[in-house]
């Protein structure tokens, strides 16, 4: 089931995946997300899920944000990060194998990484507390800022401010275009 903006339902996996693809498809978002991931230790799937919840009018407290992150940590550590590491290693020549030789393998690993990320988003949707556990947001913008601040506090390094602002601005532009933000 897909949750619409302002819905009282628990957000659905299909809705968050479509949301994530749309937001990540904005040109400024991939470099911002990669900076949050590589410099701040953020999980991009968690970041996008938290923005999705804000988009849906949900406002989670710090404990709920920490529970979501902890719930997907085993999958992230055992599957998503290793796939990403292998895909990144294949961007350069490795011994006698040039990148041109390994390109098809890298593309298959990228597909597996995306499939693993989609499964992680399904898990996040399943782990999300029902609406009463998170208070309705006074505004999606407030919820987005609170969610990301709460998640950033759990990450091992400070998030690059420029990347965070680029991501929030991209989400806000998208949300305004859809009538979620005034």
Protein backbone atom coordinates (compact mmCIF):
# COMPACT_ATOMS: atom_id res chain seq x y z
CA UNK A 1 0.00 0.00 0.00
CA UNK A 2 1.35 3.39 -0.91
CA UNK A 3 0.87 6.30 1.47
CA UNK A 4 -0.21 9.63 0.08
CA UNK A 5 0.98 12.94 1.45
CA UNK A 6 -0.74 13.62 4.73
CA UNK A 7 -1.96 10.04 5.02
CA UNK A 8 -2.62 8.47 8.40
CA UNK A 9 -1.47 5.08 7.12
CA UNK A 10 1.90 3.49 7.67
CA UNK A 11 3.99 4.31 4.60
CA UNK A 12 4.31 1.53 2.07
CA UNK A 13 7.39 0.09 0.42
CA UNK A 14 6.25 0.84 -3.13
CA UNK A 15 5.61 4.48 -2.29
CA UNK A 16 9.00 5.01 -0.68
CA UNK A 17 10.83 3.37 -3.59
CA UNK A 18 9.04 5.57 -6.14
CA UNK A 19 9.71 8.62 -3.94
CA UNK A 20 13.40 7.71 -3.62
CA UNK A 21 13.84 7.22 -7.36
CA UNK A 22 12.16 10.55 -8.06
CA UNK A 23 14.23 12.50 -5.50
CA UNK A 24 17.49 10.72 -6.36
CA UNK A 25 16.81 11.46 -10.03
CA UNK A 26 17.22 15.19 -9.42
CA UNK A 27 20.72 16.16 -10.63
CA UNK A 28 21.88 17.73 -7.35
CA UNK A 29 20.80 14.81 -5.16
CA UNK A 30 23.26 11.98 -6.02
CA UNK A 31 26.38 14.03 -5.17
CA UNK A 32 24.72 15.32 -1.98
CA UNK A 33 23.71 11.82 -0.89
CA UNK A 34 27.16 10.43 -1.69
CA UNK A 35 28.77 13.17 0.40
CA UNK A 36 26.46 12.39 3.33
CA UNK A 37 27.30 8.70 2.91
CA UNK A 38 31.05 8.94 2.34
CA UNK A 39 31.89 11.87 4.61
CA UNK A 40 29.20 11.58 7.29
CA UNK A 41 28.55 7.86 7.44
CA UNK A 42 24.87 8.22 6.53
CA UNK A 43 22.81 5.43 4.99
CA UNK A 44 21.18 7.05 1.96
CA UNK A 45 18.21 4.68 2.17
CA UNK A 46 17.51 5.80 5.73
CA UNK A 47 17.93 9.46 4.74
CA UNK A 48 15.48 9.11 1.84
CA UNK A 49 13.04 7.12 3.98
CA UNK A 50 13.05 9.84 6.63
CA UNK A 51 12.35 12.48 3.97
CA UNK A 52 9.55 10.28 2.65
CA UNK A 53 7.99 10.08 6.10
CA UNK A 54 8.12 13.87 6.38
CA UNK A 55 6.55 14.08 2.93
CA UNK A 56 3.72 11.88 4.24
CA UNK A 57 3.17 14.17 7.22
CA UNK A 58 4.84 11.86 9.74
CA UNK A 59 7.09 13.12 12.53
CA UNK A 60 9.18 10.51 14.34
CA UNK A 61 10.92 11.03 17.64
CA UNK A 62 14.62 10.29 18.16
CA UNK A 63 13.92 6.79 19.49
CA UNK A 64 11.89 5.82 16.43
CA UNK A 65 14.61 7.13 14.09
CA UNK A 66 17.24 5.13 16.00
CA UNK A 67 15.05 2.02 15.90
CA UNK A 68 14.66 2.27 12.11
CA UNK A 69 18.41 2.64 11.63
CA UNK A 70 19.19 -0.24 13.98
CA UNK A 71 16.59 -2.42 12.31
CA UNK A 72 18.25 -2.25 8.89
CA UNK A 73 21.86 -2.15 10.11
CA UNK A 74 22.45 -5.93 9.74
CA UNK A 75 21.23 -5.89 6.11
CA UNK A 76 23.20 -2.74 5.31
CA UNK A 77 26.41 -4.13 6.83
CA UNK A 78 26.14 -7.66 5.44
CA UNK A 79 24.72 -6.97 1.97
CA UNK A 80 24.45 -3.35 0.78
CA UNK A 81 27.88 -2.10 1.83
CA UNK A 82 29.79 -5.14 0.51
CA UNK A 83 28.01 -4.92 -2.86
CA UNK A 84 28.81 -1.20 -3.02
CA UNK A 85 32.46 -1.86 -2.13
CA UNK A 86 32.84 -4.43 -4.91
CA UNK A 87 31.10 -2.19 -7.45
CA UNK A 88 33.41 0.70 -6.52
CA UNK A 89 36.52 -1.50 -6.77
CA UNK A 90 35.54 -2.37 -10.33
CA UNK A 91 35.75 1.29 -11.39
CA UNK A 92 39.52 0.90 -11.82
CA UNK A 93 41.79 -1.61 -13.51
CA UNK A 94 42.52 -4.55 -11.20
CA UNK A 95 45.67 -6.42 -12.10
CA UNK A 96 45.33 -7.82 -15.60
CA UNK A 97 41.61 -6.93 -15.79
CA UNK A 98 40.83 -3.54 -17.27
CA UNK A 99 37.60 -1.75 -16.45
CA UNK A 100 36.41 -2.40 -19.99
CA UNK A 101 36.70 -6.14 -19.28
CA UNK A 102 34.84 -5.95 -15.96
CA UNK A 103 32.15 -3.45 -17.01
CA UNK A 104 29.43 -6.09 -17.51
CA UNK A 105 30.17 -7.58 -14.09
CA UNK A 106 30.12 -4.13 -12.51
CA UNK A 107 26.73 -3.46 -14.12
CA UNK A 108 25.33 -6.73 -12.72
CA UNK A 109 26.67 -5.89 -9.27
CA UNK A 110 25.12 -2.42 -9.53
CA UNK A 111 21.78 -4.08 -10.32
CA UNK A 112 22.18 -6.35 -7.29
CA UNK A 113 23.07 -3.34 -5.13
CA UNK A 114 19.92 -1.50 -6.27
CA UNK A 115 17.82 -4.60 -5.58
CA UNK A 116 19.35 -4.83 -2.10
CA UNK A 117 18.59 -1.16 -1.47
CA UNK A 118 14.98 -1.66 -2.58
CA UNK A 119 14.67 -4.57 -0.15
CA UNK A 120 16.12 -2.35 2.57
CA UNK A 121 13.48 0.27 1.86
CA UNK A 122 10.80 -2.43 2.07
CA UNK A 123 12.25 -3.36 5.47
CA UNK A 124 12.19 0.28 6.59
CA UNK A 125 8.53 0.53 5.62
CA UNK A 126 7.78 -2.66 7.57
CA UNK A 127 9.72 -1.40 10.61
CA UNK A 128 8.06 2.02 10.62
CA UNK A 129 5.85 2.47 13.66
CA UNK A 130 2.16 3.05 12.98
CA UNK A 131 0.93 6.63 12.86
CA UNK A 132 0.16 6.98 16.58
CA UNK A 133 3.82 6.22 17.42
CA UNK A 134 4.94 9.27 15.51
CA UNK A 135 3.07 12.49 16.02
CA UNK A 136 1.63 14.29 13.01
CA UNK A 137 4.06 16.93 11.81
CA UNK A 138 3.15 20.58 12.15
CA UNK A 139 4.70 20.84 8.69
CA UNK A 140 6.56 18.48 6.37
CA UNK A 141 9.51 20.87 6.44
CA UNK A 142 9.72 20.70 10.23
CA UNK A 143 9.51 16.91 10.14
CA UNK A 144 12.22 16.67 7.47
CA UNK A 145 14.61 18.89 9.42
CA UNK A 146 13.94 17.03 12.68
CA UNK A 147 14.28 13.59 11.11
CA UNK A 148 17.57 14.42 9.45
CA UNK A 149 18.99 16.09 12.56
CA UNK A 150 18.04 13.06 14.65
CA UNK A 151 19.60 10.68 12.16
CA UNK A 152 22.74 12.80 11.73
CA UNK A 153 23.25 12.57 15.50
CA UNK A 154 23.50 8.77 15.11
CA UNK A 155 26.09 8.89 12.35
CA UNK A 156 29.83 8.54 13.02
CA UNK A 157 30.89 11.88 11.51
CA UNK A 158 29.38 15.32 10.96
CA UNK A 159 27.43 15.68 7.76
CA UNK A 160 28.74 18.14 5.19
CA UNK A 161 26.43 21.17 5.47
CA UNK A 162 26.49 21.96 1.76
CA UNK A 163 25.35 18.44 0.87
CA UNK A 164 22.62 18.46 3.51
CA UNK A 165 21.29 21.81 2.27
CA UNK A 166 21.37 20.62 -1.35
CA UNK A 167 19.35 17.53 -0.43
CA UNK A 168 16.79 19.46 1.65
CA UNK A 169 16.43 22.11 -1.07
CA UNK A 170 15.89 19.45 -3.74
CA UNK A 171 13.28 17.69 -1.60
CA UNK A 172 11.55 21.00 -0.80
CA UNK A 173 11.39 21.97 -4.49
CA UNK A 174 9.92 18.58 -5.34
CA UNK A 175 7.45 18.79 -2.44
CA UNK A 176 6.34 22.29 -3.46
CA UNK A 177 5.82 21.14 -7.04
CA UNK A 178 3.53 18.38 -5.74
CA UNK A 179 1.67 20.67 -3.32
CA UNK A 180 3.10 19.05 -0.18
CA UNK A 181 4.83 22.28 0.89
CA UNK A 182 3.30 25.70 0.56
